[in-house]
Amino acid sequence: MLSLDAIWSSASDDDANVGWVRNFWQHMQRHSTGRLYLNFPGHGEDPDLVRDAFGSETYGRLQRVKRRYDPDNIFRMNQNIDPRAA
């Protein structure tokens, strides 16, 4: 598991720091399975984050369970599995 916690105190340092963080992340991708540990999803990810993390077969199975037990998507304030999505 890899977690990049790149934090700096001043917004004026963004240009100096964002580049190396993103560069390091891109270089580490070749060592990754492409899967995601969903307890630490980050912020503002792609809407397909959960689907991509589980893989389409597992996500489809979870979606069928969600359709049966939570068809109105009441429990959605997490890494959501939308029962209505295709």
Protein backbone atom coordinates (compact mmCIF):
# COMPACT_ATOMS: atom_id res chain seq x y z
CA MET A 1 0.00 0.00 0.00
CA LEU A 2 1.29 3.43 -0.92
CA SER A 3 -0.10 6.65 0.48
CA LEU A 4 1.33 9.97 -0.60
CA ASP A 5 0.61 12.54 2.05
CA ALA A 6 2.17 15.60 0.50
CA ILE A 7 1.28 18.56 2.66
CA TRP A 8 2.76 22.02 2.86
CA SER A 9 1.69 25.04 4.83
CA SER A 10 1.63 27.79 2.24
CA ALA A 11 -0.34 27.93 -1.00
CA SER A 12 2.55 29.92 -2.45
CA ASP A 13 4.57 26.66 -2.35
CA ASP A 14 2.09 24.77 -4.56
CA ASP A 15 4.13 25.04 -7.76
CA ALA A 16 7.25 23.78 -6.03
CA ASN A 17 5.52 20.78 -4.48
CA VAL A 18 2.67 19.61 -6.70
CA GLY A 19 5.03 18.67 -9.53
CA TRP A 20 7.23 16.27 -7.60
CA VAL A 21 4.23 14.63 -5.93
CA ARG A 22 2.43 13.96 -9.20
CA ASN A 23 5.68 12.87 -10.86
CA PHE A 24 6.42 10.38 -8.07
CA TRP A 25 2.84 9.06 -8.24
CA GLN A 26 3.10 8.51 -11.99
CA HIS A 27 6.41 6.66 -11.62
CA MET A 28 4.99 4.39 -8.94
CA GLN A 29 2.03 3.33 -11.12
CA ARG A 30 4.14 0.69 -12.89
CA HIS A 31 4.48 -1.12 -9.56
CA SER A 32 0.76 -1.07 -8.93
CA THR A 33 -1.99 -3.56 -9.63
CA GLY A 34 -4.23 -0.58 -10.38
CA ARG A 35 -6.50 -1.47 -7.49
CA LEU A 36 -7.36 0.93 -4.69
CA TYR A 37 -7.64 0.61 -0.94
CA LEU A 38 -11.04 2.22 -0.45
CA ASN A 39 -10.49 3.29 3.14
CA PHE A 40 -8.27 6.05 1.76
CA PRO A 41 -9.86 7.15 -1.51
CA GLY A 42 -8.70 10.75 -1.34
CA HIS A 43 -10.81 13.63 -2.54
CA GLY A 44 -12.57 14.44 -5.77
CA GLU A 45 -11.84 11.18 -7.54
CA ASP A 46 -13.36 10.01 -10.74
CA PRO A 47 -16.99 8.87 -10.38
CA ASP A 48 -15.87 5.40 -11.49
CA LEU A 49 -13.40 5.10 -8.59
CA VAL A 50 -15.30 2.37 -6.75
CA ARG A 51 -16.08 0.42 -9.93
CA ASP A 52 -12.43 0.54 -10.97
CA ALA A 53 -11.24 -0.47 -7.52
CA PHE A 54 -13.43 -3.57 -7.33
CA GLY A 55 -13.33 -4.55 -10.98
CA SER A 56 -16.43 -4.84 -13.13
CA GLU A 57 -17.46 -8.37 -12.10
CA THR A 58 -17.34 -7.72 -8.35
CA TYR A 59 -18.89 -4.27 -8.76
CA GLY A 60 -21.78 -5.78 -10.72
CA ARG A 61 -22.40 -8.32 -7.97
CA LEU A 62 -22.34 -5.58 -5.32
CA GLN A 63 -24.72 -3.52 -7.43
CA ARG A 64 -27.22 -6.39 -7.55
CA VAL A 65 -27.06 -6.68 -3.74
CA LYS A 66 -27.53 -2.93 -3.42
CA ARG A 67 -30.55 -2.98 -5.76
CA ARG A 68 -32.18 -5.58 -3.57
CA TYR A 69 -31.46 -4.10 -0.13
CA ASP A 70 -31.08 -0.37 -0.85
CA PRO A 71 -32.83 0.39 -4.17
CA ASP A 72 -33.32 4.07 -3.24
CA ASN A 73 -29.60 4.45 -2.47
CA ILE A 74 -30.20 5.74 1.05
CA PHE A 75 -26.74 4.56 2.16
CA ARG A 76 -24.70 6.65 -0.26
CA MET A 77 -22.55 8.87 1.97
CA ASN A 78 -19.52 6.65 1.49
CA GLN A 79 -17.71 5.15 -1.47
CA ASN A 80 -21.05 4.61 -3.11
CA ILE A 81 -22.28 1.75 -5.24
CA ASP A 82 -25.17 3.27 -7.14
CA PRO A 83 -27.87 0.61 -7.62
CA ARG A 84 -29.31 2.48 -10.61
CA ALA A 85 -26.09 2.99 -12.57
CA ALA A 86 -25.49 0.83 -15.63
